[in-house]
PDB file of N, CA and C in Angstrom:
ATOM      1  N   MET A   1       0.854  -1.160   0.000  1.00  0.00           N
ATOM      2  CA  MET A   1       0.000   0.000   0.000  1.00  0.00           C
ATOM      3  C   MET A   1       0.903   1.227   0.000  1.00  0.00           C
ATOM      4  N   ASN A   2       1.001   1.886  -1.116  1.00  0.00           N
ATOM      5  CA  ASN A   2       1.905   3.010  -1.254  1.00  0.00           C
ATOM      6  C   ASN A   2       1.274   4.351  -0.955  1.00  0.00           C
ATOM      7  N   ARG A   3      -0.008   4.468  -1.123  1.00  0.00           N
ATOM      8  CA  ARG A   3      -0.633   5.757  -0.872  1.00  0.00           C
ATOM      9  C   ARG A   3      -2.026   5.541  -0.313  1.00  0.00           C
ATOM     10  N   MET A   4      -2.545   6.597   0.271  1.00  0.00           N
ATOM     11  CA  MET A   4      -3.872   6.535   0.848  1.00  0.00           C
ATOM     12  C   MET A   4      -4.890   6.656  -0.279  1.00  0.00           C
ATOM     13  N   ASP A   5      -5.960   5.905  -0.206  1.00  0.00           N
ATOM     14  CA  ASP A   5      -7.091   6.102  -1.095  1.00  0.00           C
ATOM     15  C   ASP A   5      -8.340   5.743  -0.307  1.00  0.00           C
ATOM     16  N   VAL A   6      -9.478   5.721  -0.979  1.00  0.00           N
ATOM     17  CA  VAL A   6     -10.734   5.477  -0.275  1.00  0.00           C
ATOM     18  C   VAL A   6     -10.678   4.199   0.552  1.00  0.00           C
ATOM     19  N   SER A   7     -10.024   3.167   0.062  1.00  0.00           N
ATOM     20  CA  SER A   7      -9.984   1.899   0.787  1.00  0.00           C
ATOM     21  C   SER A   7      -9.060   1.945   2.003  1.00  0.00           C
ATOM     22  N   THR A   8      -8.200   2.955   2.109  1.00  0.00           N
ATOM     23  CA  THR A   8      -7.285   3.014   3.240  1.00  0.00           C
ATOM     24  C   THR A   8      -7.548   4.210   4.146  1.00  0.00           C
ATOM     25  N   LEU A   9      -8.717   4.793   4.048  1.00  0.00           N
ATOM     26  CA  LEU A   9      -9.134   5.868   4.942  1.00  0.00           C
ATOM     27  C   LEU A   9     -10.437   5.430   5.589  1.00  0.00           C
ATOM     28  N   GLU A  10     -10.320   4.915   6.793  1.00  0.00           N
ATOM     29  CA  GLU A  10     -11.485   4.417   7.522  1.00  0.00           C
ATOM     30  C   GLU A  10     -12.081   5.557   8.338  1.00  0.00           C
ATOM     31  N   VAL A  11     -13.400   5.702   8.257  1.00  0.00           N
ATOM     32  CA  VAL A  11     -14.110   6.692   9.066  1.00  0.00           C
ATOM     33  C   VAL A  11     -15.213   5.945   9.799  1.00  0.00           C
ATOM     34  N   ARG A  12     -15.230   6.092  11.118  1.00  0.00           N
ATOM     35  CA  ARG A  12     -16.275   5.417  11.894  1.00  0.00           C
ATOM     36  C   ARG A  12     -16.715   6.311  13.047  1.00  0.00           C
ATOM     37  N   THR A  13     -17.908   6.038  13.537  1.00  0.00           N
ATOM     38  CA  THR A  13     -18.441   6.766  14.684  1.00  0.00           C
ATOM     39  C   THR A  13     -18.559   5.798  15.852  1.00  0.00           C
ATOM     40  N   GLU A  14     -17.951   6.172  16.963  1.00  0.00           N
ATOM     41  CA  GLU A  14     -17.994   5.365  18.180  1.00  0.00           C
ATOM     42  C   GLU A  14     -19.353   5.547  18.870  1.00  0.00           C
ATOM     43  N   PRO A  15     -19.730   4.632  19.781  1.00  0.00           N
ATOM     44  CA  PRO A  15     -21.010   4.749  20.484  1.00  0.00           C
ATOM     45  C   PRO A  15     -21.194   6.081  21.226  1.00  0.00           C
ATOM     46  N   ASP A  16     -20.092   6.689  21.684  1.00  0.00           N
ATOM     47  CA  ASP A  16     -20.212   7.964  22.401  1.00  0.00           C
ATOM     48  C   ASP A  16     -20.287   9.167  21.459  1.00  0.00           C
ATOM     49  N   GLY A  17     -20.314   8.918  20.139  1.00  0.00           N
ATOM     50  CA  GLY A  17     -20.415   9.996  19.160  1.00  0.00           C
ATOM     51  C   GLY A  17     -19.084  10.475  18.607  1.00  0.00           C
ATOM     52  N   THR A  18     -17.985   9.994  19.162  1.00  0.00           N
ATOM     53  CA  THR A  18     -16.661  10.360  18.655  1.00  0.00           C
ATOM     54  C   THR A  18     -16.492   9.836  17.232  1.00  0.00           C
ATOM     55  N   VAL A  19     -16.031  10.698  16.336  1.00  0.00           N
ATOM     56  CA  VAL A  19     -15.714  10.266  14.977  1.00  0.00           C
ATOM     57  C   VAL A  19     -14.220   9.968  14.927  1.00  0.00           C
ATOM     58  N   VAL A  20     -13.882   8.776  14.449  1.00  0.00           N
ATOM     59  CA  VAL A  20     -12.491   8.351  14.319  1.00  0.00           C
ATOM     60  C   VAL A  20     -12.170   8.250  12.831  1.00  0.00           C
ATOM     61  N   ILE A  21     -11.136   8.972  12.423  1.00  0.00           N
ATOM     62  CA  ILE A  21     -10.657   8.919  11.043  1.00  0.00           C
ATOM     63  C   ILE A  21      -9.279   8.278  11.092  1.00  0.00           C
ATOM     64  N   ARG A  22      -9.133   7.182  10.339  1.00  0.00           N
ATOM     65  CA  ARG A  22      -7.904   6.396  10.424  1.00  0.00           C
ATOM     66  C   ARG A  22      -7.312   6.154   9.036  1.00  0.00           C
ATOM     67  N   PRO A  23      -6.385   7.020   8.625  1.00  0.00           N
ATOM     68  CA  PRO A  23      -5.670   6.749   7.376  1.00  0.00           C
ATOM     69  C   PRO A  23      -4.640   5.651   7.600  1.00  0.00           C
ATOM     70  N   ARG A  24      -4.176   5.057   6.503  1.00  0.00           N
ATOM     71  CA  ARG A  24      -3.173   3.992   6.604  1.00  0.00           C
ATOM     72  C   ARG A  24      -2.082   4.204   5.560  1.00  0.00           C
ATOM     73  N   GLY A  25      -0.880   3.787   5.908  1.00  0.00           N
ATOM     74  CA  GLY A  25       0.229   3.809   4.959  1.00  0.00           C
ATOM     75  C   GLY A  25       0.871   5.174   4.835  1.00  0.00           C
ATOM     76  N   VAL A  26       1.114   5.571   3.594  1.00  0.00           N
ATOM     77  CA  VAL A  26       1.723   6.860   3.292  1.00  0.00           C
ATOM     78  C   VAL A  26       0.612   7.843   2.968  1.00  0.00           C
ATOM     79  N   VAL A  27       0.578   8.958   3.677  1.00  0.00           N
ATOM     80  CA  VAL A  27      -0.347  10.036   3.342  1.00  0.00           C
ATOM     81  C   VAL A  27       0.487  11.054   2.569  1.00  0.00           C
ATOM     82  N   GLY A  28       0.408  10.953   1.244  1.00  0.00           N
ATOM     83  CA  GLY A  28       1.248  11.766   0.377  1.00  0.00           C
ATOM     84  C   GLY A  28       0.550  13.006  -0.141  1.00  0.00           C
ATOM     85  N   GLU A  29       1.272  13.745  -0.951  1.00  0.00           N
ATOM     86  CA  GLU A  29       0.777  15.002  -1.515  1.00  0.00           C
ATOM     87  C   GLU A  29      -0.532  14.803  -2.281  1.00  0.00           C
ATOM     88  N   ALA A  30      -0.644  13.701  -3.002  1.00  0.00           N
ATOM     89  CA  ALA A  30      -1.845  13.431  -3.789  1.00  0.00           C
ATOM     90  C   ALA A  30      -3.067  13.135  -2.920  1.00  0.00           C
ATOM     91  N   ASP A  31      -2.853  12.843  -1.652  1.00  0.00           N
ATOM     92  CA  ASP A  31      -3.944  12.469  -0.750  1.00  0.00           C
ATOM     93  C   ASP A  31      -4.480  13.632   0.073  1.00  0.00           C
ATOM     94  N   VAL A  32      -3.759  14.733   0.081  1.00  0.00           N
ATOM     95  CA  VAL A  32      -4.074  15.825   0.998  1.00  0.00           C
ATOM     96  C   VAL A  32      -5.465  16.394   0.759  1.00  0.00           C
ATOM     97  N   VAL A  33      -5.848  16.597  -0.495  1.00  0.00           N
ATOM     98  CA  VAL A  33      -7.151  17.202  -0.783  1.00  0.00           C
ATOM     99  C   VAL A  33      -8.275  16.324  -0.251  1.00  0.00           C
ATOM    100  N   HIS A  34      -8.195  15.017  -0.503  1.00  0.00           N
ATOM    101  CA  HIS A  34      -9.244  14.111  -0.016  1.00  0.00           C
ATOM    102  C   HIS A  34      -9.299  14.112   1.515  1.00  0.00           C
ATOM    103  N   LEU A  35      -8.144  14.027   2.153  1.00  0.00           N
ATOM    104  CA  LEU A  35      -8.097  14.043   3.613  1.00  0.00           C
ATOM    105  C   LEU A  35      -8.669  15.349   4.149  1.00  0.00           C
ATOM    106  N   GLN A  36      -8.283  16.461   3.542  1.00  0.00           N
ATOM    107  CA  GLN A  36      -8.787  17.766   3.977  1.00  0.00           C
ATOM    108  C   GLN A  36     -10.306  17.828   3.843  1.00  0.00           C
ATOM    109  N   GLN A  37     -10.849  17.340   2.745  1.00  0.00           N
ATOM    110  CA  GLN A  37     -12.297  17.349   2.545  1.00  0.00           C
ATOM    111  C   GLN A  37     -13.012  16.541   3.621  1.00  0.00           C
ATOM    112  N   VAL A  38     -12.484  15.371   3.936  1.00  0.00           N
ATOM    113  CA  VAL A  38     -13.102  14.523   4.963  1.00  0.00           C
ATOM    114  C   VAL A  38     -13.040  15.208   6.327  1.00  0.00           C
ATOM    115  N   LEU A  39     -11.886  15.773   6.667  1.00  0.00           N
ATOM    116  CA  LEU A  39     -11.728  16.428   7.968  1.00  0.00           C
ATOM    117  C   LEU A  39     -12.629  17.649   8.099  1.00  0.00           C
ATOM    118  N   VAL A  40     -12.623  18.507   7.092  1.00  0.00           N
ATOM    119  CA  VAL A  40     -13.425  19.737   7.155  1.00  0.00           C
ATOM    120  C   VAL A  40     -14.909  19.407   7.176  1.00  0.00           C
ATOM    121  N   ARG A  41     -15.340  18.461   6.357  1.00  0.00           N
ATOM    122  CA  ARG A  41     -16.752  18.071   6.356  1.00  0.00           C
ATOM    123  C   ARG A  41     -17.164  17.529   7.724  1.00  0.00           C
ATOM    124  N   THR A  42     -16.309  16.718   8.310  1.00  0.00           N
ATOM    125  CA  THR A  42     -16.628  16.153   9.619  1.00  0.00           C
ATOM    126  C   THR A  42     -16.780  17.245  10.666  1.00  0.00           C
ATOM    127  N   VAL A  43     -15.857  18.193  10.693  1.00  0.00           N
ATOM    128  CA  VAL A  43     -15.926  19.269  11.691  1.00  0.00           C
ATOM    129  C   VAL A  43     -17.106  20.193  11.427  1.00  0.00           C
ATOM    130  N   ARG A  44     -17.315  20.609  10.181  1.00  0.00           N
ATOM    131  CA  ARG A  44     -18.330  21.617   9.880  1.00  0.00           C
ATOM    132  C   ARG A  44     -19.738  21.062   9.750  1.00  0.00           C
ATOM    133  N   LYS A  45     -19.890  19.863   9.229  1.00  0.00           N
ATOM    134  CA  LYS A  45     -21.227  19.318   8.963  1.00  0.00           C
ATOM    135  C   LYS A  45     -21.674  18.304  10.010  1.00  0.00           C
ATOM    136  N   VAL A  46     -20.794  17.379  10.363  1.00  0.00           N
ATOM    137  CA  VAL A  46     -21.150  16.344  11.340  1.00  0.00           C
ATOM    138  C   VAL A  46     -21.109  16.922  12.749  1.00  0.00           C
ATOM    139  N   ARG A  47     -20.082  17.706  13.049  1.00  0.00           N
ATOM    140  CA  ARG A  47     -19.885  18.391  14.327  1.00  0.00           C
ATOM    141  C   ARG A  47     -19.952  17.453  15.538  1.00  0.00           C
ATOM    142  N   PRO A  48     -19.121  16.425  15.554  1.00  0.00           N
ATOM    143  CA  PRO A  48     -19.089  15.558  16.741  1.00  0.00           C
ATOM    144  C   PRO A  48     -18.466  16.328  17.903  1.00  0.00           C
ATOM    145  N   SER A  49     -18.691  15.876  19.107  1.00  0.00           N
ATOM    146  CA  SER A  49     -18.033  16.546  20.236  1.00  0.00           C
ATOM    147  C   SER A  49     -16.532  16.280  20.210  1.00  0.00           C
ATOM    148  N   ARG A  50     -16.138  15.146  19.611  1.00  0.00           N
ATOM    149  CA  ARG A  50     -14.718  14.799  19.547  1.00  0.00           C
ATOM    150  C   ARG A  50     -14.403  14.134  18.201  1.00  0.00           C
ATOM    151  N   LEU A  51     -13.267  14.530  17.635  1.00  0.00           N
ATOM    152  CA  LEU A  51     -12.752  13.947  16.402  1.00  0.00           C
ATOM    153  C   LEU A  51     -11.361  13.416  16.698  1.00  0.00           C
ATOM    154  N   VAL A  52     -11.144  12.154  16.380  1.00  0.00           N
ATOM    155  CA  VAL A  52      -9.843  11.521  16.603  1.00  0.00           C
ATOM    156  C   VAL A  52      -9.245  11.149  15.253  1.00  0.00           C
ATOM    157  N   LEU A  53      -8.031  11.622  15.016  1.00  0.00           N
ATOM    158  CA  LEU A  53      -7.239  11.187  13.867  1.00  0.00           C
ATOM    159  C   LEU A  53      -6.321  10.097  14.390  1.00  0.00           C
ATOM    160  N   ASP A  54      -6.599   8.869  14.031  1.00  0.00           N
ATOM    161  CA  ASP A  54      -5.806   7.737  14.511  1.00  0.00           C
ATOM    162  C   ASP A  54      -4.723   7.433  13.479  1.00  0.00           C
ATOM    163  N   LEU A  55      -3.484   7.763  13.824  1.00  0.00           N
ATOM    164  CA  LEU A  55      -2.364   7.598  12.896  1.00  0.00           C
ATOM    165  C   LEU A  55      -1.538   6.350  13.180  1.00  0.00           C
ATOM    166  N   THR A  56      -2.135   5.381  13.861  1.00  0.00           N
ATOM    167  CA  THR A  56      -1.441   4.145  14.214  1.00  0.00           C
ATOM    168  C   THR A  56      -0.753   3.506  13.011  1.00  0.00           C
ATOM    169  N   ASP A  57      -1.441   3.470  11.873  1.00  0.00           N
ATOM    170  CA  ASP A  57      -0.929   2.771  10.695  1.00  0.00           C
ATOM    171  C   ASP A  57      -0.350   3.698   9.629  1.00  0.00           C
ATOM    172  N   VAL A  58      -0.047   4.938  10.002  1.00  0.00           N
ATOM    173  CA  VAL A  58       0.575   5.877   9.058  1.00  0.00           C
ATOM    174  C   VAL A  58       2.073   5.876   9.315  1.00  0.00           C
ATOM    175  N   PHE A  59       2.852   5.615   8.277  1.00  0.00           N
ATOM    176  CA  PHE A  59       4.299   5.598   8.471  1.00  0.00           C
ATOM    177  C   PHE A  59       5.009   6.743   7.763  1.00  0.00           C
ATOM    178  N   ARG A  60       4.286   7.518   6.962  1.00  0.00           N
ATOM    179  CA  ARG A  60       4.867   8.725   6.374  1.00  0.00           C
ATOM    180  C   ARG A  60       3.746   9.719   6.121  1.00  0.00           C
ATOM    181  N   LEU A  61       4.034  10.994   6.396  1.00  0.00           N
ATOM    182  CA  LEU A  61       3.026  12.044   6.298  1.00  0.00           C
ATOM    183  C   LEU A  61       3.609  13.220   5.529  1.00  0.00           C
ATOM    184  N   ASP A  62       2.948  13.600   4.443  1.00  0.00           N
ATOM    185  CA  ASP A  62       3.377  14.755   3.668  1.00  0.00           C
ATOM    186  C   ASP A  62       3.283  16.007   4.548  1.00  0.00           C
ATOM    187  N   PRO A  63       4.230  16.937   4.439  1.00  0.00           N
ATOM    188  CA  PRO A  63       4.188  18.157   5.256  1.00  0.00           C
ATOM    189  C   PRO A  63       2.900  18.964   5.086  1.00  0.00           C
ATOM    190  N   ILE A  64       2.316  18.934   3.891  1.00  0.00           N
ATOM    191  CA  ILE A  64       1.054  19.650   3.690  1.00  0.00           C
ATOM    192  C   ILE A  64      -0.060  18.977   4.487  1.00  0.00           C
ATOM    193  N   ALA A  65      -0.033  17.660   4.580  1.00  0.00           N
ATOM    194  CA  ALA A  65      -1.021  16.942   5.392  1.00  0.00           C
ATOM    195  C   ALA A  65      -0.853  17.295   6.864  1.00  0.00           C
ATOM    196  N   ALA A  66       0.390  17.448   7.315  1.00  0.00           N
ATOM    197  CA  ALA A  66       0.633  17.855   8.705  1.00  0.00           C
ATOM    198  C   ALA A  66       0.050  19.241   8.951  1.00  0.00           C
ATOM    199  N   GLY A  67       0.244  20.147   8.008  1.00  0.00           N
ATOM    200  CA  GLY A  67      -0.339  21.482   8.129  1.00  0.00           C
ATOM    201  C   GLY A  67      -1.855  21.446   8.127  1.00  0.00           C
ATOM    202  N   THR A  68      -2.425  20.556   7.324  1.00  0.00           N
ATOM    203  CA  THR A  68      -3.880  20.388   7.290  1.00  0.00           C
ATOM    204  C   THR A  68      -4.395  19.930   8.646  1.00  0.00           C
ATOM    205  N   MET A  69      -3.694  18.990   9.263  1.00  0.00           N
ATOM    206  CA  MET A  69      -4.114  18.500  10.580  1.00  0.00           C
ATOM    207  C   MET A  69      -4.015  19.600  11.627  1.00  0.00           C
ATOM    208  N   SER A  70      -3.008  20.430  11.528  1.00  0.00           N
ATOM    209  CA  SER A  70      -2.877  21.569  12.434  1.00  0.00           C
ATOM    210  C   SER A  70      -4.051  22.533  12.250  1.00  0.00           C
ATOM    211  N   ALA A  71      -4.376  22.835  11.002  1.00  0.00           N
ATOM    212  CA  ALA A  71      -5.487  23.747  10.720  1.00  0.00           C
ATOM    213  C   ALA A  71      -6.812  23.184  11.220  1.00  0.00           C
ATOM    214  N   VAL A  72      -6.986  21.873  11.118  1.00  0.00           N
ATOM    215  CA  VAL A  72      -8.233  21.251  11.577  1.00  0.00           C
ATOM    216  C   VAL A  72      -8.378  21.366  13.093  1.00  0.00           C
ATOM    217  N   CYS A  73      -7.277  21.363  13.819  1.00  0.00           N
ATOM    218  CA  CYS A  73      -7.359  21.576  15.273  1.00  0.00           C
ATOM    219  C   CYS A  73      -7.977  22.943  15.565  1.00  0.00           C
ATOM    220  N   GLY A  74      -7.527  23.972  14.857  1.00  0.00           N
ATOM    221  CA  GLY A  74      -8.091  25.309  15.033  1.00  0.00           C
ATOM    222  C   GLY A  74      -9.530  25.394  14.567  1.00  0.00           C
ATOM    223  N   LEU A  75      -9.843  24.760  13.440  1.00  0.00           N
ATOM    224  CA  LEU A  75     -11.211  24.742  12.938  1.00  0.00           C
ATOM    225  C   LEU A  75     -12.130  24.049  13.942  1.00  0.00           C
ATOM    226  N   GLY A  76     -11.639  22.958  14.516  1.00  0.00           N
ATOM    227  CA  GLY A  76     -12.418  22.263  15.539  1.00  0.00           C
ATOM    228  C   GLY A  76     -12.708  23.166  16.727  1.00  0.00           C
ATOM    229  N   ASP A  77     -11.713  23.921  17.166  1.00  0.00           N
ATOM    230  CA  ASP A  77     -11.931  24.866  18.268  1.00  0.00           C
ATOM    231  C   ASP A  77     -13.031  25.858  17.915  1.00  0.00           C
ATOM    232  N   ASP A  78     -13.019  26.361  16.687  1.00  0.00           N
ATOM    233  CA  ASP A  78     -14.027  27.331  16.242  1.00  0.00           C
ATOM    234  C   ASP A  78     -15.431  26.745  16.214  1.00  0.00           C
ATOM    235  N   HIS A  79     -15.535  25.434  16.015  1.00  0.00           N
ATOM    236  CA  HIS A  79     -16.841  24.779  15.886  1.00  0.00           C
ATOM    237  C   HIS A  79     -17.204  23.907  17.087  1.00  0.00           C
ATOM    238  N   GLY A  80     -16.448  23.995  18.155  1.00  0.00           N
ATOM    239  CA  GLY A  80     -16.760  23.224  19.358  1.00  0.00           C
ATOM    240  C   GLY A  80     -16.480  21.738  19.235  1.00  0.00           C
ATOM    241  N   VAL A  81     -15.525  21.370  18.390  1.00  0.00           N
ATOM    242  CA  VAL A  81     -15.146  19.969  18.200  1.00  0.00           C
ATOM    243  C   VAL A  81     -13.724  19.788  18.730  1.00  0.00           C
ATOM    244  N   ALA A  82     -13.565  18.933  19.724  1.00  0.00           N
ATOM    245  CA  ALA A  82     -12.231  18.641  20.263  1.00  0.00           C
ATOM    246  C   ALA A  82     -11.531  17.679  19.313  1.00  0.00           C
ATOM    247  N   VAL A  83     -10.388  18.095  18.778  1.00  0.00           N
ATOM    248  CA  VAL A  83      -9.640  17.284  17.814  1.00  0.00           C
ATOM    249  C   VAL A  83      -8.383  16.740  18.493  1.00  0.00           C
ATOM    250  N   PHE A  84      -8.190  15.433  18.384  1.00  0.00           N
ATOM    251  CA  PHE A  84      -7.013  14.772  18.949  1.00  0.00           C
ATOM    252  C   PHE A  84      -6.359  13.898  17.893  1.00  0.00           C
ATOM    253  N   VAL A  85      -5.052  13.731  18.004  1.00  0.00           N
ATOM    254  CA  VAL A  85      -4.295  12.861  17.107  1.00  0.00           C
ATOM    255  C   VAL A  85      -3.747  11.721  17.955  1.00  0.00           C
ATOM    256  N   HIS A  86      -4.182  10.507  17.651  1.00  0.00           N
ATOM    257  CA  HIS A  86      -3.765   9.339  18.419  1.00  0.00           C
ATOM    258  C   HIS A  86      -2.681   8.560  17.692  1.00  0.00           C
ATOM    259  N   ASN A  87      -1.713   8.114  18.462  1.00  0.00           N
ATOM    260  CA  ASN A  87      -0.694   7.150  18.062  1.00  0.00           C
ATOM    261  C   ASN A  87       0.182   7.529  16.869  1.00  0.00           C
ATOM    262  N   PRO A  88       0.589   8.796  16.758  1.00  0.00           N
ATOM    263  CA  PRO A  88       1.556   9.078  15.698  1.00  0.00           C
ATOM    264  C   PRO A  88       2.914   8.498  16.086  1.00  0.00           C
ATOM    265  N   SER A  89       3.692   8.104  15.101  1.00  0.00           N
ATOM    266  CA  SER A  89       5.063   7.687  15.403  1.00  0.00           C
ATOM    267  C   SER A  89       5.800   8.891  15.975  1.00  0.00           C
ATOM    268  N   GLU A  90       6.952   8.651  16.567  1.00  0.00           N
ATOM    269  CA  GLU A  90       7.725   9.754  17.143  1.00  0.00           C
ATOM    270  C   GLU A  90       8.072  10.794  16.073  1.00  0.00           C
ATOM    271  N   HIS A  91       8.475  10.316  14.904  1.00  0.00           N
ATOM    272  CA  HIS A  91       8.820  11.232  13.808  1.00  0.00           C
ATOM    273  C   HIS A  91       7.606  12.055  13.374  1.00  0.00           C
ATOM    274  N   ILE A  92       6.464  11.402  13.201  1.00  0.00           N
ATOM    275  CA  ILE A  92       5.258  12.114  12.770  1.00  0.00           C
ATOM    276  C   ILE A  92       4.777  13.059  13.864  1.00  0.00           C
ATOM    277  N   ALA A  93       4.889  12.665  15.129  1.00  0.00           N
ATOM    278  CA  ALA A  93       4.516  13.565  16.229  1.00  0.00           C
ATOM    279  C   ALA A  93       5.365  14.834  16.190  1.00  0.00           C
ATOM    280  N   ASP A  94       6.668  14.689  15.944  1.00  0.00           N
ATOM    281  CA  ASP A  94       7.549  15.857  15.815  1.00  0.00           C
ATOM    282  C   ASP A  94       7.130  16.720  14.632  1.00  0.00           C
ATOM    283  N   GLN A  95       6.806  16.071  13.538  1.00  0.00           N
ATOM    284  CA  GLN A  95       6.378  16.784  12.332  1.00  0.00           C
ATOM    285  C   GLN A  95       5.088  17.566  12.603  1.00  0.00           C
ATOM    286  N   LEU A  96       4.129  16.940  13.282  1.00  0.00           N
ATOM    287  CA  LEU A  96       2.864  17.602  13.595  1.00  0.00           C
ATOM    288  C   LEU A  96       3.070  18.764  14.553  1.00  0.00           C
ATOM    289  N   SER A  97       3.904  18.559  15.549  1.00  0.00           N
ATOM    290  CA  SER A  97       4.207  19.626  16.500  1.00  0.00           C
ATOM    291  C   SER A  97       4.838  20.820  15.785  1.00  0.00           C
ATOM    292  N   THR A  98       5.765  20.557  14.890  1.00  0.00           N
ATOM    293  CA  THR A  98       6.401  21.617  14.107  1.00  0.00           C
ATOM    294  C   THR A  98       5.382  22.346  13.234  1.00  0.00           C
ATOM    295  N   ALA A  99       4.384  21.615  12.740  1.00  0.00           N
ATOM    296  CA  ALA A  99       3.342  22.211  11.895  1.00  0.00           C
ATOM    297  C   ALA A  99       2.330  23.014  12.702  1.00  0.00           C
ATOM    298  N   GLY A 100       2.387  22.905  14.036  1.00  0.00           N
ATOM    299  CA  GLY A 100       1.489  23.701  14.867  1.00  0.00           C
ATOM    300  C   GLY A 100       0.416  22.940  15.611  1.00  0.00           C
ATOM    301  N   VAL A 101       0.431  21.613  15.534  1.00  0.00           N
ATOM    302  CA  VAL A 101      -0.530  20.836  16.327  1.00  0.00           C
ATOM    303  C   VAL A 101      -0.085  20.930  17.783  1.00  0.00           C
ATOM    304  N   PRO A 102      -0.961  21.428  18.667  1.00  0.00           N
ATOM    305  CA  PRO A 102      -0.574  21.539  20.078  1.00  0.00           C
ATOM    306  C   PRO A 102      -0.219  20.170  20.658  1.00  0.00           C
ATOM    307  N   VAL A 103       0.852  20.133  21.437  1.00  0.00           N
ATOM    308  CA  VAL A 103       1.352  18.863  21.977  1.00  0.00           C
ATOM    309  C   VAL A 103       0.298  18.143  22.817  1.00  0.00           C
ATOM    310  N   GLN A 104      -0.592  18.884  23.473  1.00  0.00           N
ATOM    311  CA  GLN A 104      -1.631  18.246  24.287  1.00  0.00           C
ATOM    312  C   GLN A 104      -2.678  17.529  23.435  1.00  0.00           C
ATOM    313  N   ARG A 105      -2.665  17.743  22.132  1.00  0.00           N
ATOM    314  CA  ARG A 105      -3.588  17.044  21.233  1.00  0.00           C
ATOM    315  C   ARG A 105      -3.012  15.720  20.740  1.00  0.00           C
ATOM    316  N   LEU A 106      -1.726  15.505  20.956  1.00  0.00           N
ATOM    317  CA  LEU A 106      -1.057  14.274  20.518  1.00  0.00           C
ATOM    318  C   LEU A 106      -1.112  13.261  21.651  1.00  0.00           C
ATOM    319  N   ARG A 107      -1.682  12.098  21.387  1.00  0.00           N
ATOM    320  CA  ARG A 107      -1.881  11.106  22.448  1.00  0.00           C
ATOM    321  C   ARG A 107      -1.465   9.718  22.006  1.00  0.00           C
ATOM    322  N   ARG A 108      -0.982   8.962  22.973  1.00  0.00           N
ATOM    323  CA  ARG A 108      -0.727   7.536  22.790  1.00  0.00           C
ATOM    324  C   ARG A 108      -1.854   6.809  23.516  1.00  0.00           C
ATOM    325  N   THR A 109      -2.527   5.908  22.836  1.00  0.00           N
ATOM    326  CA  THR A 109      -3.605   5.179  23.489  1.00  0.00           C
ATOM    327  C   THR A 109      -3.054   3.913  24.122  1.00  0.00           C
ATOM    328  N   ALA A 110      -3.826   3.338  25.027  1.00  0.00           N
ATOM    329  CA  ALA A 110      -3.398   2.146  25.766  1.00  0.00           C
ATOM    330  C   ALA A 110      -3.052   0.998  24.828  1.00  0.00           C
ATOM    331  N   ALA A 111      -3.742   0.920  23.692  1.00  0.00           N
ATOM    332  CA  ALA A 111      -3.482  -0.164  22.745  1.00  0.00           C
ATOM    333  C   ALA A 111      -2.062  -0.111  22.199  1.00  0.00           C
ATOM    334  N   MET A 112      -1.448   1.067  22.213  1.00  0.00           N
ATOM    335  CA  MET A 112      -0.096   1.216  21.682  1.00  0.00           C
ATOM    336  C   MET A 112       0.969   1.000  22.746  1.00  0.00           C
ATOM    337  N   ALA A 113       0.607   1.042  24.007  1.00  0.00           N
ATOM    338  CA  ALA A 113       1.593   0.944  25.099  1.00  0.00           C
ATOM    339  C   ALA A 113       2.201  -0.424  25.198  1.00  0.00           C
TER     340      ALA A 113
END
C-alpha cells in the first residue's frame, strides 16, 4: 500500500459519538485534498463533540497533510469539536508539532503501550 485512497481511509463513529478517522500507509501530496475534505466536512457538517485522527498505521506524512491536521485543530476549536491525534510515530509527532498541532492534542492510546 503506497498511498492513501478510499480503501485506506477508515471513518467510523464510536457509540459515544466520537468520529475516528484512520488513514493507513503513506499520506502523500496526492492524498491531501481528499483528507482535507473529509476532515473539514466532519468538523463543519457532522460536528461531533470529539474527532480523533488515529495515525497508528501511518508511516509517512506529507508536510502539507501535517499542516492540514494543524489547521483542523483550530477549525475544531471554532466549531466546538475537540480534535485529537492518536498514536503518531515519534517522527510524525515531531512533524505535527512543528506544523502547529498543540502537543496536548497528541496522544498515545493504551493499545499502543
